N, C-alpha and C. Protein backbone atom coordinates (compact mmCIF):
# COMPACT_ATOMS: atom_id res chain seq x y z
N MET A 1 0.83 -1.19 0.00
CA MET A 1 0.00 0.00 0.00
C MET A 1 0.88 1.25 0.00
N LYS A 2 1.94 1.20 0.83
CA LYS A 2 2.85 2.34 0.91
C LYS A 2 3.51 2.60 -0.45
N ARG A 3 3.88 1.51 -1.15
CA ARG A 3 4.49 1.65 -2.48
C ARG A 3 3.53 2.30 -3.47
N LEU A 4 2.27 1.90 -3.40
CA LEU A 4 1.26 2.44 -4.30
C LEU A 4 1.07 3.93 -4.06
N LEU A 5 1.05 4.36 -2.82
CA LEU A 5 0.91 5.78 -2.49
C LEU A 5 2.13 6.57 -2.97
N MET A 6 3.32 5.99 -2.80
CA MET A 6 4.53 6.68 -3.24
C MET A 6 4.54 6.80 -4.77
N LEU A 7 4.09 5.76 -5.47
CA LEU A 7 4.03 5.80 -6.92
C LEU A 7 3.04 6.87 -7.39
N ALA A 8 1.89 6.95 -6.73
CA ALA A 8 0.90 7.97 -7.08
C ALA A 8 1.45 9.37 -6.84
N LEU A 9 2.15 9.57 -5.72
CA LEU A 9 2.74 10.87 -5.41
C LEU A 9 3.81 11.23 -6.44
N LEU A 10 4.66 10.28 -6.76
CA LEU A 10 5.72 10.51 -7.75
C LEU A 10 5.12 10.83 -9.12
N THR A 11 4.11 10.09 -9.51
CA THR A 11 3.46 10.32 -10.80
C THR A 11 2.87 11.71 -10.88
N SER A 12 2.17 12.12 -9.85
CA SER A 12 1.56 13.46 -9.89
C SER A 12 2.61 14.55 -9.77
N THR A 13 3.67 14.32 -9.04
CA THR A 13 4.74 15.30 -8.91
C THR A 13 5.48 15.50 -10.22
N LEU A 14 5.72 14.42 -10.95
CA LEU A 14 6.43 14.50 -12.21
C LEU A 14 5.53 14.89 -13.37
N GLY A 15 4.26 15.03 -13.12
CA GLY A 15 3.35 15.43 -14.18
C GLY A 15 3.00 14.30 -15.12
N LEU A 16 3.09 13.05 -14.62
CA LEU A 16 2.81 11.92 -15.47
C LEU A 16 1.33 11.53 -15.44
N GLY A 17 0.54 12.23 -14.68
CA GLY A 17 -0.89 11.95 -14.63
C GLY A 17 -1.55 12.45 -15.90
N THR A 18 -2.83 12.31 -15.97
CA THR A 18 -3.54 12.76 -17.17
C THR A 18 -3.59 14.27 -17.22
N ALA A 19 -3.29 14.78 -18.37
CA ALA A 19 -3.36 16.23 -18.58
C ALA A 19 -4.79 16.60 -18.94
N LYS A 20 -5.22 17.71 -18.44
CA LYS A 20 -6.56 18.18 -18.76
C LYS A 20 -6.49 19.15 -19.92
N ALA A 21 -7.39 18.96 -20.85
CA ALA A 21 -7.41 19.82 -22.03
C ALA A 21 -8.18 21.09 -21.72
N GLN A 22 -7.65 22.18 -22.20
CA GLN A 22 -8.32 23.46 -22.07
C GLN A 22 -9.37 23.54 -23.17
N THR A 23 -10.40 24.35 -22.94
CA THR A 23 -11.41 24.55 -23.96
C THR A 23 -11.01 25.73 -24.83
N TYR A 24 -11.15 25.57 -26.13
CA TYR A 24 -10.82 26.61 -27.09
C TYR A 24 -12.01 26.86 -27.99
N THR A 25 -12.19 28.09 -28.39
CA THR A 25 -13.22 28.39 -29.38
C THR A 25 -12.63 28.08 -30.76
N LYS A 26 -13.51 27.99 -31.74
CA LYS A 26 -13.05 27.75 -33.10
C LYS A 26 -12.13 28.88 -33.55
N GLN A 27 -12.48 30.10 -33.17
CA GLN A 27 -11.66 31.26 -33.55
C GLN A 27 -10.28 31.18 -32.91
N GLN A 28 -10.20 30.75 -31.65
CA GLN A 28 -8.89 30.62 -31.01
C GLN A 28 -8.05 29.55 -31.70
N LEU A 29 -8.69 28.43 -32.04
CA LEU A 29 -7.96 27.37 -32.75
C LEU A 29 -7.50 27.85 -34.12
N GLN A 30 -8.35 28.58 -34.81
CA GLN A 30 -7.95 29.13 -36.11
C GLN A 30 -6.74 30.04 -35.96
N GLU A 31 -6.72 30.85 -34.92
CA GLU A 31 -5.60 31.76 -34.69
C GLU A 31 -4.32 30.99 -34.36
N ILE A 32 -4.42 29.98 -33.51
CA ILE A 32 -3.24 29.18 -33.13
C ILE A 32 -2.62 28.56 -34.38
N TYR A 33 -3.45 27.88 -35.18
CA TYR A 33 -2.92 27.18 -36.35
C TYR A 33 -2.49 28.16 -37.44
N SER A 34 -3.28 29.18 -37.68
CA SER A 34 -2.94 30.15 -38.74
C SER A 34 -1.66 30.89 -38.43
N SER A 35 -1.49 31.32 -37.18
CA SER A 35 -0.28 32.09 -36.85
C SER A 35 0.98 31.22 -37.00
N HIS A 36 0.88 29.95 -36.65
CA HIS A 36 2.04 29.08 -36.85
C HIS A 36 2.32 28.87 -38.34
N LEU A 37 1.27 28.70 -39.12
CA LEU A 37 1.47 28.54 -40.56
C LEU A 37 2.15 29.78 -41.15
N VAL A 38 1.74 30.96 -40.73
CA VAL A 38 2.36 32.20 -41.19
C VAL A 38 3.84 32.21 -40.79
N ASN A 39 4.13 31.83 -39.54
CA ASN A 39 5.53 31.79 -39.07
C ASN A 39 6.38 30.81 -39.88
N GLU A 40 5.75 29.79 -40.44
CA GLU A 40 6.47 28.81 -41.25
C GLU A 40 6.54 29.21 -42.73
N GLY A 41 6.00 30.38 -43.07
CA GLY A 41 6.09 30.86 -44.44
C GLY A 41 4.89 30.54 -45.32
N PHE A 42 3.84 29.97 -44.75
CA PHE A 42 2.63 29.67 -45.52
C PHE A 42 1.69 30.87 -45.46
N ARG A 43 0.71 30.87 -46.36
CA ARG A 43 -0.31 31.92 -46.38
C ARG A 43 -1.68 31.30 -46.15
N PRO A 44 -2.02 31.05 -44.89
CA PRO A 44 -3.30 30.38 -44.61
C PRO A 44 -4.49 31.30 -44.85
N LYS A 45 -5.60 30.67 -45.22
CA LYS A 45 -6.86 31.38 -45.42
C LYS A 45 -7.94 30.60 -44.67
N VAL A 46 -8.83 31.32 -44.01
CA VAL A 46 -9.97 30.69 -43.34
C VAL A 46 -11.18 30.86 -44.25
N ASP A 47 -11.82 29.75 -44.61
CA ASP A 47 -12.98 29.83 -45.51
C ASP A 47 -14.28 30.02 -44.72
N ASN A 48 -15.39 30.06 -45.42
CA ASN A 48 -16.69 30.30 -44.79
C ASN A 48 -17.10 29.20 -43.82
N ASP A 49 -16.58 27.99 -44.01
CA ASP A 49 -16.89 26.89 -43.10
C ASP A 49 -15.97 26.86 -41.88
N GLY A 50 -15.00 27.78 -41.86
CA GLY A 50 -14.06 27.82 -40.74
C GLY A 50 -12.85 26.95 -40.92
N TYR A 51 -12.70 26.33 -42.10
CA TYR A 51 -11.52 25.52 -42.39
C TYR A 51 -10.36 26.45 -42.75
N ILE A 52 -9.17 25.98 -42.46
CA ILE A 52 -7.97 26.73 -42.82
C ILE A 52 -7.35 26.02 -44.02
N SER A 53 -7.07 26.76 -45.07
CA SER A 53 -6.39 26.17 -46.22
C SER A 53 -5.04 26.85 -46.39
N PHE A 54 -4.10 26.10 -46.94
CA PHE A 54 -2.78 26.65 -47.27
C PHE A 54 -2.16 25.76 -48.33
N ARG A 55 -1.20 26.32 -49.04
CA ARG A 55 -0.52 25.59 -50.10
C ARG A 55 0.90 25.24 -49.66
N SER A 56 1.32 24.04 -50.04
CA SER A 56 2.67 23.58 -49.77
C SER A 56 3.09 22.68 -50.92
N GLU A 57 4.25 22.98 -51.50
CA GLU A 57 4.78 22.16 -52.59
C GLU A 57 3.76 21.98 -53.72
N GLY A 58 3.02 23.03 -54.02
CA GLY A 58 2.07 22.99 -55.11
C GLY A 58 0.75 22.30 -54.80
N ARG A 59 0.57 21.85 -53.58
CA ARG A 59 -0.67 21.17 -53.19
C ARG A 59 -1.42 22.02 -52.17
N THR A 60 -2.74 21.88 -52.18
CA THR A 60 -3.56 22.59 -51.19
C THR A 60 -3.91 21.63 -50.07
N PHE A 61 -3.75 22.10 -48.85
CA PHE A 61 -4.09 21.35 -47.65
C PHE A 61 -5.15 22.11 -46.89
N TRP A 62 -5.97 21.38 -46.15
CA TRP A 62 -6.98 21.99 -45.31
C TRP A 62 -6.82 21.47 -43.89
N ILE A 63 -7.13 22.32 -42.95
CA ILE A 63 -7.19 21.93 -41.54
C ILE A 63 -8.63 22.10 -41.09
N LEU A 64 -9.23 21.02 -40.62
CA LEU A 64 -10.57 21.06 -40.08
C LEU A 64 -10.46 21.13 -38.56
N LEU A 65 -11.24 21.98 -37.96
CA LEU A 65 -11.17 22.19 -36.52
C LEU A 65 -12.42 21.64 -35.85
N ASP A 66 -12.25 21.11 -34.65
CA ASP A 66 -13.38 20.59 -33.89
C ASP A 66 -13.33 21.18 -32.49
N GLU A 67 -14.04 22.29 -32.28
CA GLU A 67 -14.01 22.94 -30.98
C GLU A 67 -14.72 22.12 -29.92
N ASP A 68 -15.52 21.13 -30.32
CA ASP A 68 -16.21 20.27 -29.36
C ASP A 68 -15.29 19.18 -28.82
N ASP A 69 -14.15 18.98 -29.44
CA ASP A 69 -13.18 17.98 -29.00
C ASP A 69 -11.80 18.63 -29.03
N PRO A 70 -11.47 19.42 -27.98
CA PRO A 70 -10.23 20.21 -28.01
C PRO A 70 -8.94 19.39 -28.03
N THR A 71 -8.98 18.11 -27.66
CA THR A 71 -7.75 17.31 -27.72
C THR A 71 -7.58 16.65 -29.08
N PHE A 72 -8.58 16.80 -29.95
CA PHE A 72 -8.46 16.23 -31.29
C PHE A 72 -7.91 17.31 -32.19
N PHE A 73 -6.66 17.12 -32.59
CA PHE A 73 -6.05 18.05 -33.52
C PHE A 73 -6.54 17.68 -34.89
N ILE A 74 -7.23 18.58 -35.44
CA ILE A 74 -7.52 18.62 -36.85
C ILE A 74 -7.65 17.30 -37.57
N MET A 75 -8.02 17.56 -38.70
CA MET A 75 -7.84 16.61 -39.75
C MET A 75 -7.11 17.46 -40.79
N LEU A 76 -5.83 17.24 -40.93
CA LEU A 76 -5.05 17.91 -41.98
C LEU A 76 -5.21 17.02 -43.20
N PHE A 77 -5.76 17.57 -44.26
CA PHE A 77 -5.97 16.69 -45.40
C PHE A 77 -5.67 17.33 -46.73
N MET A 78 -5.43 16.44 -47.70
CA MET A 78 -5.19 16.80 -49.08
C MET A 78 -6.00 15.83 -49.92
N GLY A 79 -6.66 16.32 -50.93
CA GLY A 79 -7.42 15.45 -51.81
C GLY A 79 -7.36 15.98 -53.23
N PHE A 80 -7.78 15.18 -54.15
CA PHE A 80 -7.82 15.62 -55.54
C PHE A 80 -8.86 14.83 -56.30
N ILE A 81 -9.27 15.35 -57.43
CA ILE A 81 -10.34 14.76 -58.23
C ILE A 81 -9.72 13.93 -59.35
N GLN A 82 -10.26 12.75 -59.51
CA GLN A 82 -9.85 11.85 -60.58
C GLN A 82 -10.93 11.85 -61.66
N GLU A 83 -10.52 11.84 -62.90
CA GLU A 83 -11.48 11.87 -64.00
C GLU A 83 -12.17 10.52 -64.21
N ASP A 84 -11.40 9.45 -64.16
CA ASP A 84 -11.96 8.12 -64.42
C ASP A 84 -12.72 7.65 -63.18
N LYS A 85 -14.03 7.55 -63.29
CA LYS A 85 -14.89 7.15 -62.16
C LYS A 85 -15.39 5.71 -62.33
N SER A 86 -14.76 4.95 -63.18
CA SER A 86 -15.21 3.58 -63.44
C SER A 86 -15.04 2.70 -62.19
N PRO A 87 -15.84 1.65 -62.08
CA PRO A 87 -15.70 0.73 -60.94
C PRO A 87 -14.30 0.10 -60.87
N GLN A 88 -13.70 -0.15 -62.03
CA GLN A 88 -12.35 -0.73 -62.03
C GLN A 88 -11.33 0.24 -61.42
N MET A 89 -11.43 1.52 -61.77
CA MET A 89 -10.49 2.50 -61.22
C MET A 89 -10.76 2.75 -59.74
N ARG A 90 -12.03 2.71 -59.34
CA ARG A 90 -12.35 2.86 -57.91
C ARG A 90 -11.68 1.73 -57.11
N LEU A 91 -11.78 0.51 -57.62
CA LEU A 91 -11.13 -0.62 -56.96
C LEU A 91 -9.62 -0.43 -56.94
N ARG A 92 -9.06 0.02 -58.02
CA ARG A 92 -7.60 0.28 -58.09
C ARG A 92 -7.19 1.33 -57.06
N ARG A 93 -8.01 2.38 -56.93
CA ARG A 93 -7.72 3.44 -55.94
C ARG A 93 -7.80 2.89 -54.52
N LEU A 94 -8.78 2.04 -54.27
CA LEU A 94 -8.90 1.43 -52.94
C LEU A 94 -7.66 0.59 -52.63
N GLU A 95 -7.18 -0.14 -53.63
CA GLU A 95 -5.96 -0.93 -53.44
C GLU A 95 -4.77 -0.02 -53.16
N GLY A 96 -4.68 1.10 -53.88
CA GLY A 96 -3.60 2.06 -53.64
C GLY A 96 -3.68 2.64 -52.24
N CYS A 97 -4.88 2.96 -51.80
CA CYS A 97 -5.06 3.48 -50.43
C CYS A 97 -4.64 2.43 -49.40
N ASN A 98 -5.01 1.18 -49.65
CA ASN A 98 -4.66 0.12 -48.72
C ASN A 98 -3.14 0.00 -48.58
N ILE A 99 -2.43 0.04 -49.69
CA ILE A 99 -0.96 -0.02 -49.66
C ILE A 99 -0.40 1.17 -48.89
N ALA A 100 -0.89 2.37 -49.20
CA ALA A 100 -0.41 3.58 -48.52
C ALA A 100 -0.68 3.51 -47.02
N ASN A 101 -1.87 3.05 -46.63
CA ASN A 101 -2.21 2.94 -45.21
C ASN A 101 -1.32 1.93 -44.49
N HIS A 102 -0.97 0.89 -45.19
CA HIS A 102 -0.13 -0.14 -44.60
C HIS A 102 1.31 0.34 -44.40
N LYS A 103 1.80 1.15 -45.30
CA LYS A 103 3.22 1.54 -45.27
C LYS A 103 3.53 2.82 -44.51
N ILE A 104 2.57 3.74 -44.40
CA ILE A 104 2.88 5.06 -43.83
C ILE A 104 2.14 5.25 -42.51
N LYS A 105 2.86 5.66 -41.49
CA LYS A 105 2.28 5.90 -40.16
C LYS A 105 1.41 7.15 -40.15
N VAL A 106 0.40 7.15 -39.33
CA VAL A 106 -0.44 8.30 -38.99
C VAL A 106 -1.39 8.74 -40.10
N ILE A 107 -1.07 8.49 -41.34
CA ILE A 107 -1.87 8.99 -42.46
C ILE A 107 -2.92 7.96 -42.86
N LYS A 108 -4.10 8.47 -43.16
CA LYS A 108 -5.18 7.63 -43.68
C LYS A 108 -5.45 8.05 -45.11
N CYS A 109 -5.53 7.07 -45.98
CA CYS A 109 -5.95 7.31 -47.35
C CYS A 109 -7.32 6.66 -47.49
N SER A 110 -8.25 7.40 -48.03
CA SER A 110 -9.60 6.86 -48.24
C SER A 110 -10.17 7.49 -49.50
N LEU A 111 -11.30 6.98 -49.93
CA LEU A 111 -11.99 7.55 -51.08
C LEU A 111 -13.24 8.28 -50.59
N ASP A 112 -13.49 9.44 -51.17
CA ASP A 112 -14.73 10.15 -50.83
C ASP A 112 -15.89 9.50 -51.59
N LYS A 113 -17.08 10.03 -51.43
CA LYS A 113 -18.25 9.39 -52.04
C LYS A 113 -18.22 9.38 -53.56
N GLU A 114 -17.43 10.27 -54.17
CA GLU A 114 -17.29 10.26 -55.63
C GLU A 114 -16.18 9.33 -56.10
N GLY A 115 -15.42 8.77 -55.15
CA GLY A 115 -14.33 7.86 -55.51
C GLY A 115 -12.98 8.54 -55.66
N ASP A 116 -12.88 9.80 -55.19
CA ASP A 116 -11.61 10.52 -55.27
C ASP A 116 -10.82 10.32 -53.97
N PRO A 117 -9.50 10.17 -54.07
CA PRO A 117 -8.68 9.91 -52.89
C PRO A 117 -8.50 11.15 -52.01
N ILE A 118 -8.47 10.88 -50.71
CA ILE A 118 -8.21 11.91 -49.70
C ILE A 118 -7.16 11.34 -48.75
N PHE A 119 -6.18 12.15 -48.43
CA PHE A 119 -5.12 11.77 -47.51
C PHE A 119 -5.25 12.64 -46.27
N THR A 120 -5.40 12.01 -45.11
CA THR A 120 -5.62 12.78 -43.87
C THR A 120 -4.61 12.39 -42.80
N ALA A 121 -4.32 13.38 -41.97
CA ALA A 121 -3.51 13.16 -40.76
C ALA A 121 -4.39 13.58 -39.59
N GLU A 122 -4.54 12.71 -38.64
CA GLU A 122 -5.34 13.01 -37.46
C GLU A 122 -4.50 12.71 -36.24
N MET A 123 -4.61 13.59 -35.24
CA MET A 123 -3.84 13.41 -34.01
C MET A 123 -4.63 13.91 -32.82
N PHE A 124 -4.28 13.41 -31.64
CA PHE A 124 -4.79 13.96 -30.40
C PHE A 124 -3.68 14.78 -29.78
N LEU A 125 -3.98 16.01 -29.42
CA LEU A 125 -3.01 16.90 -28.79
C LEU A 125 -3.63 17.49 -27.53
N THR A 126 -2.91 17.45 -26.42
CA THR A 126 -3.40 18.07 -25.20
C THR A 126 -3.43 19.58 -25.37
N ASP A 127 -2.42 20.10 -26.05
CA ASP A 127 -2.31 21.53 -26.31
C ASP A 127 -2.24 21.75 -27.82
N PRO A 128 -3.17 22.53 -28.39
CA PRO A 128 -3.13 22.75 -29.84
C PRO A 128 -1.80 23.33 -30.33
N GLY A 129 -1.06 23.99 -29.45
CA GLY A 129 0.23 24.54 -29.83
C GLY A 129 1.25 23.46 -30.19
N ASP A 130 1.00 22.23 -29.75
CA ASP A 130 1.90 21.13 -30.09
C ASP A 130 1.89 20.83 -31.58
N PHE A 131 0.92 21.37 -32.28
CA PHE A 131 0.85 21.28 -33.73
C PHE A 131 2.16 21.76 -34.35
N LYS A 132 2.77 22.75 -33.72
CA LYS A 132 3.99 23.37 -34.27
C LYS A 132 5.10 22.36 -34.47
N THR A 133 5.22 21.42 -33.56
CA THR A 133 6.32 20.46 -33.66
C THR A 133 6.02 19.32 -34.63
N ASN A 134 4.78 19.23 -35.09
CA ASN A 134 4.38 18.10 -35.93
C ASN A 134 4.09 18.45 -37.39
N LEU A 135 3.90 19.71 -37.69
CA LEU A 135 3.45 20.10 -39.03
C LEU A 135 4.36 19.58 -40.14
N GLY A 136 5.63 19.82 -40.05
CA GLY A 136 6.55 19.39 -41.11
C GLY A 136 6.52 17.89 -41.33
N ARG A 137 6.51 17.15 -40.25
CA ARG A 137 6.50 15.69 -40.36
C ARG A 137 5.17 15.20 -40.95
N LEU A 138 4.07 15.85 -40.56
CA LEU A 138 2.77 15.46 -41.12
C LEU A 138 2.70 15.71 -42.62
N LEU A 139 3.22 16.85 -43.05
CA LEU A 139 3.22 17.15 -44.49
C LEU A 139 4.07 16.15 -45.25
N ARG A 140 5.23 15.79 -44.69
CA ARG A 140 6.08 14.78 -45.35
C ARG A 140 5.40 13.42 -45.38
N ALA A 141 4.69 13.08 -44.30
CA ALA A 141 4.00 11.79 -44.24
C ALA A 141 2.87 11.74 -45.26
N ILE A 142 2.13 12.83 -45.41
CA ILE A 142 1.07 12.86 -46.42
C ILE A 142 1.68 12.70 -47.81
N GLU A 143 2.78 13.38 -48.06
CA GLU A 143 3.45 13.26 -49.36
C GLU A 143 3.93 11.83 -49.59
N SER A 144 4.47 11.19 -48.56
CA SER A 144 4.92 9.80 -48.69
C SER A 144 3.75 8.87 -48.95
N SER A 145 2.64 9.11 -48.28
CA SER A 145 1.45 8.30 -48.49
C SER A 145 0.95 8.46 -49.92
N TYR A 146 0.94 9.69 -50.40
CA TYR A 146 0.51 9.96 -51.77
C TYR A 146 1.43 9.24 -52.77
N LYS A 147 2.73 9.25 -52.49
CA LYS A 147 3.68 8.57 -53.38
C LYS A 147 3.41 7.06 -53.41
N GLU A 148 3.18 6.47 -52.25
CA GLU A 148 2.87 5.03 -52.21
C GLU A 148 1.59 4.73 -53.00
N TYR A 149 0.62 5.58 -52.82
CA TYR A 149 -0.65 5.44 -53.54
C TYR A 149 -0.42 5.52 -55.05
N ARG A 150 0.30 6.55 -55.49
CA ARG A 150 0.55 6.75 -56.92
C ARG A 150 1.37 5.60 -57.51
N ASP A 151 2.34 5.10 -56.75
CA ASP A 151 3.15 3.99 -57.26
C ASP A 151 2.29 2.74 -57.50
N TRP A 152 1.25 2.57 -56.69
CA TRP A 152 0.37 1.41 -56.87
C TRP A 152 -0.62 1.65 -58.00
N GLU A 153 -1.17 2.86 -58.03
CA GLU A 153 -2.19 3.19 -59.02
C GLU A 153 -1.60 3.08 -60.42
């Protein structure tokens, strides 16, 4: 019993207990993410739905915010439209997504209802500011996932 109490005291003293998430408004989250994007040299724009878009390496990315779940960092995503909507190409795209999902960490490749691929990065963050340390790696991971997808397709 004494050991258990000492472990609990040590855990709380070292900050190893559960962190509580602060509540943020959508506007605060937009400001946190947008200001970091500006500091990194991007030109973010907030659209009418409250999504943040920015361009990197010739591609457009969007950040979706969920003020109802403050520990859920975004869905950073990139998608594009494919002309061939045949069932055979849809199946081929699903196979490409499966390969990309298997090989690349954190990124999800899926098809939208029209059969076009979408690449997303989703994370849980206690503090939305932690986004700053992950942005570059997430963008590289999405690009790697896209490459795996394209190599299969």
